[in-house]
N, C-alpha and C. Protein backbone atom coordinates (compact mmCIF):
# COMPACT_ATOMS: atom_id res chain seq x y z
N UNK A 1 -14.21 -14.52 7.82
CA UNK A 1 -12.90 -13.90 7.78
C UNK A 1 -12.73 -13.16 6.46
N UNK A 2 -12.18 -11.98 6.54
CA UNK A 2 -11.95 -11.14 5.37
C UNK A 2 -10.77 -11.67 4.54
N UNK A 3 -10.62 -11.13 3.36
CA UNK A 3 -9.51 -11.51 2.48
C UNK A 3 -8.19 -11.06 3.07
N UNK A 4 -7.13 -11.75 2.69
CA UNK A 4 -5.76 -11.31 2.93
C UNK A 4 -5.48 -10.99 4.39
N UNK A 5 -5.52 -12.00 5.21
CA UNK A 5 -5.29 -11.85 6.65
C UNK A 5 -3.90 -12.35 7.02
N UNK A 6 -3.36 -11.89 8.16
CA UNK A 6 -2.06 -12.38 8.61
C UNK A 6 -2.03 -13.90 8.69
N UNK A 7 -0.90 -14.44 8.24
CA UNK A 7 -0.71 -15.88 8.21
C UNK A 7 -1.05 -16.49 6.86
N UNK A 8 -1.79 -15.76 6.03
CA UNK A 8 -2.14 -16.24 4.69
C UNK A 8 -1.11 -15.78 3.67
N UNK A 9 -1.02 -16.52 2.58
CA UNK A 9 -0.19 -16.08 1.45
C UNK A 9 -0.91 -14.89 0.81
N UNK A 10 -0.16 -13.83 0.55
CA UNK A 10 -0.74 -12.64 -0.09
C UNK A 10 -1.17 -12.98 -1.51
N UNK A 11 -2.38 -12.61 -1.90
CA UNK A 11 -2.82 -12.86 -3.27
C UNK A 11 -1.89 -12.17 -4.27
N UNK A 12 -1.43 -12.91 -5.26
CA UNK A 12 -0.56 -12.33 -6.27
C UNK A 12 -1.38 -11.45 -7.21
N UNK A 13 -0.71 -10.52 -7.83
CA UNK A 13 -1.36 -9.64 -8.80
C UNK A 13 -0.31 -9.10 -9.75
N UNK A 14 -0.77 -8.63 -10.87
CA UNK A 14 0.03 -7.82 -11.78
C UNK A 14 -0.86 -6.64 -12.13
N UNK A 15 -0.33 -5.43 -11.92
CA UNK A 15 -1.12 -4.22 -12.15
C UNK A 15 -0.22 -3.12 -12.70
N UNK A 16 -0.83 -2.16 -13.35
CA UNK A 16 -0.09 -1.03 -13.92
C UNK A 16 0.31 -0.07 -12.81
N UNK A 17 1.60 0.27 -12.81
CA UNK A 17 2.14 1.18 -11.79
C UNK A 17 2.71 2.42 -12.48
N UNK A 18 3.04 3.41 -11.68
CA UNK A 18 3.67 4.61 -12.21
C UNK A 18 4.94 4.20 -12.95
N UNK A 19 5.29 4.99 -13.94
CA UNK A 19 6.40 4.63 -14.81
C UNK A 19 5.92 3.81 -15.99
N UNK A 20 4.62 3.49 -16.01
CA UNK A 20 4.03 2.77 -17.13
C UNK A 20 4.35 1.28 -17.17
N UNK A 21 4.90 0.78 -16.08
CA UNK A 21 5.31 -0.62 -16.06
C UNK A 21 4.34 -1.46 -15.23
N UNK A 22 4.07 -2.69 -15.71
CA UNK A 22 3.29 -3.60 -14.87
C UNK A 22 4.15 -4.05 -13.68
N UNK A 23 3.52 -4.18 -12.55
CA UNK A 23 4.20 -4.59 -11.33
C UNK A 23 3.48 -5.80 -10.78
N UNK A 24 4.23 -6.86 -10.50
CA UNK A 24 3.60 -8.04 -9.92
C UNK A 24 4.19 -8.31 -8.55
N UNK A 25 3.35 -8.74 -7.65
CA UNK A 25 3.79 -9.03 -6.30
C UNK A 25 4.81 -10.17 -6.31
N UNK A 26 4.56 -11.19 -7.12
CA UNK A 26 5.47 -12.34 -7.15
C UNK A 26 6.88 -11.97 -7.59
N UNK A 27 7.03 -10.89 -8.37
CA UNK A 27 8.36 -10.47 -8.81
C UNK A 27 9.18 -9.89 -7.67
N UNK A 28 8.54 -9.59 -6.55
CA UNK A 28 9.23 -9.00 -5.39
C UNK A 28 9.54 -10.03 -4.32
N UNK A 29 9.22 -11.30 -4.58
CA UNK A 29 9.51 -12.36 -3.60
C UNK A 29 10.99 -12.31 -3.24
N UNK A 30 11.28 -12.65 -2.01
CA UNK A 30 12.65 -12.62 -1.52
C UNK A 30 12.92 -11.37 -0.70
N UNK A 31 11.97 -10.44 -0.71
CA UNK A 31 12.09 -9.21 0.07
C UNK A 31 10.72 -8.86 0.65
N UNK A 32 10.70 -8.22 1.81
CA UNK A 32 9.41 -7.79 2.36
C UNK A 32 8.77 -6.71 1.48
N UNK A 33 7.44 -6.66 1.52
CA UNK A 33 6.69 -5.66 0.77
C UNK A 33 5.70 -4.99 1.72
N UNK A 34 5.69 -3.67 1.69
CA UNK A 34 4.67 -2.89 2.39
C UNK A 34 3.70 -2.42 1.30
N UNK A 35 2.49 -2.94 1.36
CA UNK A 35 1.46 -2.62 0.38
C UNK A 35 0.41 -1.79 1.10
N UNK A 36 0.33 -0.50 0.74
CA UNK A 36 -0.64 0.33 1.44
C UNK A 36 -1.69 0.87 0.48
N UNK A 37 -2.94 0.74 0.93
CA UNK A 37 -4.10 1.19 0.17
C UNK A 37 -4.58 2.50 0.77
N UNK A 38 -4.83 3.48 -0.10
CA UNK A 38 -5.28 4.79 0.37
C UNK A 38 -6.40 5.30 -0.53
N UNK A 39 -7.28 6.16 0.00
CA UNK A 39 -8.46 6.56 -0.76
C UNK A 39 -8.21 7.40 -2.01
N UNK A 40 -7.38 8.46 -1.94
CA UNK A 40 -7.33 9.38 -3.08
C UNK A 40 -6.08 10.24 -3.07
N UNK A 41 -5.46 10.36 -4.25
CA UNK A 41 -4.30 11.23 -4.41
C UNK A 41 -4.66 12.68 -4.07
N UNK A 42 -3.69 13.40 -3.55
CA UNK A 42 -3.78 14.84 -3.30
C UNK A 42 -4.86 15.26 -2.31
N UNK A 43 -5.26 14.35 -1.43
CA UNK A 43 -6.12 14.73 -0.32
C UNK A 43 -5.21 14.82 0.91
N UNK A 44 -5.59 15.59 1.92
CA UNK A 44 -4.66 15.84 3.03
C UNK A 44 -4.13 14.58 3.72
N UNK A 45 -5.00 13.66 4.10
CA UNK A 45 -4.55 12.46 4.80
C UNK A 45 -3.68 11.58 3.93
N UNK A 46 -4.07 11.42 2.67
CA UNK A 46 -3.31 10.57 1.76
C UNK A 46 -1.96 11.19 1.42
N UNK A 47 -1.92 12.50 1.29
CA UNK A 47 -0.66 13.19 1.03
C UNK A 47 0.27 13.04 2.22
N UNK A 48 -0.24 13.22 3.43
CA UNK A 48 0.58 13.07 4.62
C UNK A 48 1.11 11.64 4.76
N UNK A 49 0.25 10.66 4.48
CA UNK A 49 0.67 9.27 4.58
C UNK A 49 1.79 8.98 3.57
N UNK A 50 1.62 9.43 2.33
CA UNK A 50 2.64 9.20 1.30
C UNK A 50 3.95 9.88 1.67
N UNK A 51 3.87 11.11 2.17
CA UNK A 51 5.08 11.83 2.58
C UNK A 51 5.78 11.12 3.74
N UNK A 52 5.00 10.63 4.70
CA UNK A 52 5.58 9.92 5.84
C UNK A 52 6.34 8.68 5.38
N UNK A 53 5.74 7.91 4.46
CA UNK A 53 6.44 6.74 3.93
C UNK A 53 7.68 7.18 3.15
N UNK A 54 7.54 8.24 2.34
CA UNK A 54 8.67 8.72 1.53
C UNK A 54 9.84 9.17 2.41
N UNK A 55 9.53 9.82 3.53
CA UNK A 55 10.59 10.28 4.43
C UNK A 55 11.37 9.13 5.06
N UNK A 56 10.76 7.96 5.09
CA UNK A 56 11.41 6.78 5.69
C UNK A 56 11.88 5.78 4.64
N UNK A 57 11.81 6.18 3.37
CA UNK A 57 12.16 5.28 2.27
C UNK A 57 13.55 4.69 2.45
N UNK A 58 14.54 5.49 2.84
CA UNK A 58 15.91 4.98 2.99
C UNK A 58 15.96 3.88 4.05
N UNK A 59 15.20 4.05 5.12
CA UNK A 59 15.18 3.03 6.18
C UNK A 59 14.48 1.75 5.71
N UNK A 60 13.38 1.91 4.98
CA UNK A 60 12.70 0.74 4.43
C UNK A 60 13.63 0.01 3.45
N UNK A 61 14.32 0.79 2.61
CA UNK A 61 15.22 0.20 1.62
C UNK A 61 16.38 -0.52 2.32
N UNK A 62 16.93 0.10 3.36
CA UNK A 62 18.02 -0.51 4.11
C UNK A 62 17.57 -1.84 4.73
N UNK A 63 16.29 -1.91 5.11
CA UNK A 63 15.73 -3.15 5.66
C UNK A 63 15.37 -4.14 4.54
N UNK A 64 15.56 -3.72 3.29
CA UNK A 64 15.29 -4.60 2.16
C UNK A 64 13.84 -4.62 1.71
N UNK A 65 13.03 -3.71 2.23
CA UNK A 65 11.59 -3.73 1.95
C UNK A 65 11.21 -2.82 0.78
N UNK A 66 10.22 -3.27 0.02
CA UNK A 66 9.63 -2.48 -1.06
C UNK A 66 8.37 -1.80 -0.53
N UNK A 67 8.18 -0.54 -0.88
CA UNK A 67 6.96 0.21 -0.57
C UNK A 67 6.14 0.35 -1.84
N UNK A 68 4.83 0.10 -1.73
CA UNK A 68 3.94 0.26 -2.88
C UNK A 68 2.62 0.85 -2.39
N UNK A 69 2.19 1.94 -3.03
CA UNK A 69 0.89 2.53 -2.72
C UNK A 69 -0.13 2.12 -3.76
N UNK A 70 -1.39 1.97 -3.33
CA UNK A 70 -2.47 1.59 -4.25
C UNK A 70 -3.70 2.45 -3.98
N UNK A 71 -4.26 3.02 -5.04
CA UNK A 71 -5.57 3.65 -4.95
C UNK A 71 -6.28 3.45 -6.29
N UNK A 72 -7.50 3.94 -6.36
CA UNK A 72 -8.29 3.77 -7.58
C UNK A 72 -8.07 4.92 -8.56
N UNK A 73 -7.17 5.84 -8.24
CA UNK A 73 -6.87 6.94 -9.15
C UNK A 73 -6.20 6.43 -10.42
N UNK A 74 -6.25 7.26 -11.46
CA UNK A 74 -5.63 6.89 -12.75
C UNK A 74 -4.11 6.98 -12.66
N UNK A 75 -3.44 6.35 -13.60
CA UNK A 75 -1.98 6.44 -13.68
C UNK A 75 -1.56 7.90 -13.84
N UNK A 76 -2.27 8.66 -14.68
CA UNK A 76 -1.92 10.07 -14.88
C UNK A 76 -1.97 10.85 -13.56
N UNK A 77 -3.03 10.64 -12.79
CA UNK A 77 -3.16 11.30 -11.49
C UNK A 77 -2.04 10.85 -10.55
N UNK A 78 -1.75 9.54 -10.57
CA UNK A 78 -0.65 9.01 -9.75
C UNK A 78 0.69 9.63 -10.14
N UNK A 79 0.95 9.74 -11.43
CA UNK A 79 2.22 10.32 -11.89
C UNK A 79 2.36 11.75 -11.38
N UNK A 80 1.29 12.53 -11.48
CA UNK A 80 1.32 13.92 -11.00
C UNK A 80 1.53 13.97 -9.49
N UNK A 81 0.81 13.12 -8.75
CA UNK A 81 0.92 13.06 -7.29
C UNK A 81 2.34 12.67 -6.89
N UNK A 82 2.87 11.67 -7.56
CA UNK A 82 4.22 11.17 -7.26
C UNK A 82 5.27 12.25 -7.53
N UNK A 83 5.15 12.95 -8.66
CA UNK A 83 6.11 14.01 -9.01
C UNK A 83 5.99 15.19 -8.04
N UNK A 84 4.77 15.61 -7.77
CA UNK A 84 4.54 16.77 -6.91
C UNK A 84 5.14 16.58 -5.52
N UNK A 85 5.05 15.36 -5.00
CA UNK A 85 5.52 15.09 -3.63
C UNK A 85 6.81 14.29 -3.59
N UNK A 86 7.43 14.12 -4.78
CA UNK A 86 8.72 13.42 -4.90
C UNK A 86 8.70 12.07 -4.19
N UNK A 87 7.69 11.28 -4.52
CA UNK A 87 7.54 9.96 -3.90
C UNK A 87 8.49 8.97 -4.57
N UNK A 88 9.35 8.32 -3.79
CA UNK A 88 10.37 7.44 -4.36
C UNK A 88 9.94 5.99 -4.52
N UNK A 89 8.64 5.74 -4.50
CA UNK A 89 8.13 4.37 -4.63
C UNK A 89 6.96 4.37 -5.61
N UNK A 90 6.67 3.20 -6.19
CA UNK A 90 5.60 3.14 -7.18
C UNK A 90 4.21 3.23 -6.58
N UNK A 91 3.30 3.75 -7.39
CA UNK A 91 1.88 3.79 -7.05
C UNK A 91 1.14 2.97 -8.10
N UNK A 92 0.26 2.11 -7.65
CA UNK A 92 -0.53 1.26 -8.55
C UNK A 92 -1.90 1.87 -8.74
N UNK A 93 -2.33 1.90 -9.99
CA UNK A 93 -3.67 2.36 -10.34
C UNK A 93 -4.60 1.15 -10.38
N UNK A 94 -5.68 1.23 -9.62
CA UNK A 94 -6.67 0.14 -9.54
C UNK A 94 -8.07 0.70 -9.78
N UNK A 95 -8.31 1.27 -10.99
CA UNK A 95 -9.58 1.96 -11.23
C UNK A 95 -10.81 1.06 -11.12
N UNK A 96 -10.67 -0.21 -11.43
CA UNK A 96 -11.80 -1.14 -11.35
C UNK A 96 -11.96 -1.72 -9.95
N UNK A 97 -10.99 -1.46 -9.08
CA UNK A 97 -11.07 -1.98 -7.72
C UNK A 97 -10.72 -3.46 -7.59
N UNK A 98 -10.03 -4.00 -8.58
CA UNK A 98 -9.69 -5.43 -8.58
C UNK A 98 -8.79 -5.79 -7.39
N UNK A 99 -7.70 -5.05 -7.23
CA UNK A 99 -6.79 -5.31 -6.10
C UNK A 99 -7.48 -5.00 -4.78
N UNK A 100 -8.24 -3.91 -4.77
CA UNK A 100 -8.95 -3.52 -3.54
C UNK A 100 -9.89 -4.63 -3.09
N UNK A 101 -10.56 -5.26 -4.04
CA UNK A 101 -11.46 -6.37 -3.72
C UNK A 101 -10.67 -7.59 -3.26
N UNK A 102 -9.58 -7.89 -3.98
CA UNK A 102 -8.73 -9.03 -3.66
C UNK A 102 -8.20 -8.94 -2.22
N UNK A 103 -7.88 -7.72 -1.80
CA UNK A 103 -7.33 -7.51 -0.46
C UNK A 103 -8.37 -7.06 0.57
N UNK A 104 -9.63 -6.98 0.16
CA UNK A 104 -10.71 -6.69 1.10
C UNK A 104 -10.66 -5.31 1.74
N UNK A 105 -10.32 -4.29 0.95
CA UNK A 105 -10.22 -2.94 1.52
C UNK A 105 -11.35 -2.00 1.09
N UNK A 106 -12.27 -2.48 0.25
CA UNK A 106 -13.41 -1.66 -0.13
C UNK A 106 -14.50 -1.80 0.93
N UNK A 107 -14.94 -0.67 1.46
CA UNK A 107 -15.91 -0.68 2.56
C UNK A 107 -17.00 0.37 2.29
N UNK A 108 -18.20 0.15 2.85
CA UNK A 108 -19.23 1.19 2.74
C UNK A 108 -18.79 2.43 3.52
N UNK A 109 -19.00 3.59 2.91
CA UNK A 109 -18.63 4.86 3.54
C UNK A 109 -19.77 5.85 3.34
N UNK A 110 -19.66 6.94 4.07
CA UNK A 110 -20.65 8.01 3.95
C UNK A 110 -19.91 9.35 3.94
N UNK A 111 -20.24 10.20 2.98
CA UNK A 111 -19.64 11.52 2.90
C UNK A 111 -20.73 12.51 2.52
N UNK A 112 -20.90 13.53 3.35
CA UNK A 112 -21.93 14.54 3.12
C UNK A 112 -23.31 13.91 2.90
N UNK A 113 -23.59 12.87 3.68
CA UNK A 113 -24.88 12.21 3.60
C UNK A 113 -25.04 11.24 2.44
N UNK A 114 -23.99 11.10 1.64
CA UNK A 114 -24.04 10.20 0.48
C UNK A 114 -23.34 8.89 0.82
N UNK A 115 -24.01 7.78 0.55
CA UNK A 115 -23.42 6.46 0.77
C UNK A 115 -22.66 6.03 -0.49
N UNK A 116 -21.50 5.45 -0.29
CA UNK A 116 -20.71 4.94 -1.41
C UNK A 116 -19.75 3.87 -0.89
N UNK A 117 -19.09 3.19 -1.80
CA UNK A 117 -18.08 2.20 -1.43
C UNK A 117 -16.73 2.79 -1.79
N UNK A 118 -15.82 2.81 -0.82
CA UNK A 118 -14.50 3.39 -1.05
C UNK A 118 -13.43 2.60 -0.33
N UNK A 119 -12.20 3.01 -0.53
CA UNK A 119 -11.07 2.35 0.10
C UNK A 119 -10.96 2.76 1.56
N UNK A 120 -10.89 1.74 2.43
CA UNK A 120 -10.58 1.99 3.83
C UNK A 120 -9.06 1.93 3.93
N UNK A 121 -8.46 3.00 4.45
CA UNK A 121 -7.01 3.09 4.55
C UNK A 121 -6.48 1.85 5.27
N UNK A 122 -5.70 1.04 4.55
CA UNK A 122 -5.23 -0.26 5.04
C UNK A 122 -3.80 -0.48 4.58
N UNK A 123 -2.98 -1.04 5.45
CA UNK A 123 -1.60 -1.38 5.10
C UNK A 123 -1.35 -2.84 5.43
N UNK A 124 -0.64 -3.51 4.52
CA UNK A 124 -0.26 -4.91 4.75
C UNK A 124 1.26 -5.02 4.69
N UNK A 125 1.80 -5.83 5.59
CA UNK A 125 3.21 -6.16 5.57
C UNK A 125 3.31 -7.61 5.14
N UNK A 126 3.98 -7.82 4.00
CA UNK A 126 4.13 -9.15 3.41
C UNK A 126 5.61 -9.52 3.53
N UNK A 127 5.89 -10.70 4.08
CA UNK A 127 7.29 -11.08 4.27
C UNK A 127 7.92 -11.57 2.97
N UNK A 128 9.20 -11.91 3.03
CA UNK A 128 9.97 -12.31 1.85
C UNK A 128 9.42 -13.57 1.19
N UNK A 129 8.65 -14.36 1.92
CA UNK A 129 8.08 -15.60 1.39
C UNK A 129 6.65 -15.41 0.87
N UNK A 130 6.15 -14.18 0.94
CA UNK A 130 4.81 -13.89 0.43
C UNK A 130 3.70 -14.07 1.44
N UNK A 131 4.07 -14.23 2.72
CA UNK A 131 3.08 -14.42 3.78
C UNK A 131 2.76 -13.06 4.41
N UNK A 132 1.48 -12.80 4.59
CA UNK A 132 1.06 -11.56 5.25
C UNK A 132 1.39 -11.67 6.73
N UNK A 133 2.18 -10.74 7.23
CA UNK A 133 2.59 -10.75 8.64
C UNK A 133 1.77 -9.78 9.48
N UNK A 134 1.38 -8.68 8.90
CA UNK A 134 0.58 -7.67 9.62
C UNK A 134 -0.45 -7.09 8.67
N UNK A 135 -1.56 -6.67 9.26
CA UNK A 135 -2.60 -5.96 8.51
C UNK A 135 -3.13 -4.87 9.43
N UNK A 136 -2.96 -3.63 9.00
CA UNK A 136 -3.48 -2.49 9.75
C UNK A 136 -4.69 -1.95 9.00
N UNK A 137 -5.83 -1.89 9.66
CA UNK A 137 -7.06 -1.37 9.05
C UNK A 137 -7.45 -0.06 9.73
N UNK A 138 -8.28 0.71 9.04
CA UNK A 138 -8.73 2.00 9.58
C UNK A 138 -7.54 2.80 10.09
N UNK A 139 -6.50 2.86 9.28
CA UNK A 139 -5.24 3.48 9.66
C UNK A 139 -5.43 4.96 9.97
N UNK A 140 -4.83 5.38 11.06
CA UNK A 140 -4.69 6.79 11.40
C UNK A 140 -3.27 7.16 10.97
N UNK A 141 -3.13 8.20 10.17
CA UNK A 141 -1.86 8.52 9.54
C UNK A 141 -0.74 8.88 10.52
N UNK A 142 -0.98 9.76 11.51
CA UNK A 142 0.15 10.14 12.37
C UNK A 142 0.80 8.93 13.06
N UNK A 143 2.10 8.77 12.83
CA UNK A 143 2.85 7.68 13.45
C UNK A 143 2.77 6.35 12.74
N UNK A 144 1.91 6.23 11.74
CA UNK A 144 1.70 4.93 11.09
C UNK A 144 2.96 4.44 10.36
N UNK A 145 3.63 5.31 9.62
CA UNK A 145 4.82 4.88 8.88
C UNK A 145 5.88 4.35 9.84
N UNK A 146 6.02 4.97 11.00
CA UNK A 146 6.98 4.48 12.00
C UNK A 146 6.59 3.10 12.53
N UNK A 147 5.30 2.90 12.76
CA UNK A 147 4.81 1.60 13.23
C UNK A 147 5.12 0.52 12.21
N UNK A 148 4.87 0.82 10.93
CA UNK A 148 5.12 -0.15 9.86
C UNK A 148 6.63 -0.42 9.76
N UNK A 149 7.44 0.62 9.83
CA UNK A 149 8.89 0.44 9.76
C UNK A 149 9.38 -0.46 10.89
N UNK A 150 8.88 -0.26 12.10
CA UNK A 150 9.28 -1.10 13.23
C UNK A 150 8.89 -2.56 12.99
N UNK A 151 7.73 -2.78 12.38
CA UNK A 151 7.30 -4.15 12.07
C UNK A 151 8.20 -4.78 11.00
N UNK A 152 8.62 -3.99 10.02
CA UNK A 152 9.55 -4.49 8.99
C UNK A 152 10.86 -4.88 9.65
N UNK A 153 11.37 -4.01 10.51
CA UNK A 153 12.65 -4.27 11.18
C UNK A 153 12.58 -5.49 12.09
N UNK A 154 11.39 -5.83 12.57
CA UNK A 154 11.21 -6.97 13.48
C UNK A 154 11.07 -8.30 12.73
N UNK A 155 10.92 -8.25 11.40
CA UNK A 155 10.78 -9.49 10.64
C UNK A 155 12.06 -10.30 10.74
N UNK A 156 11.93 -11.62 10.83
CA UNK A 156 13.14 -12.44 10.79
C UNK A 156 13.77 -12.34 9.41
N UNK A 157 15.09 -12.44 9.31
CA UNK A 157 15.73 -12.37 7.98
C UNK A 157 15.27 -13.54 7.11
N UNK A 158 15.14 -13.30 5.80
CA UNK A 158 14.70 -14.38 4.91
C UNK A 158 15.74 -15.51 4.88
N UNK A 159 15.23 -16.74 4.77
CA UNK A 159 16.14 -17.90 4.69
C UNK A 159 16.16 -18.44 3.29
């Protein structure tokens, strides 16, 4: 079984996010968290995914959920990406792949005949108690943000 599966407690972390502030998962307890891993800032699929989540930010916020994006890009690249696309949620920089490894999203890939290890587009829904409720792997961007929002809305209210 891979890391961070539904029914398990989400591994806690503290990592540098946009705005220059460390962000820890445990500090968000009491509210659902959508943690999405994506390969690279400013690429077409990743830009569309970020925009789709951003367009639904008010609905996620109304449901009490936090949105957080994670890639291996630098904070500087994240800040530019976030500003350019007016993303209203933090992006975590994971250049060493620590979070990616913790959550089991690094996979062998091939591009132009070159083998490498990269982020497989993955989203996790973590409930208010820190339990992983959903894990979407090999995400296809069209419609994904709506699917995640529906899953957030279906969560039982925190007790």
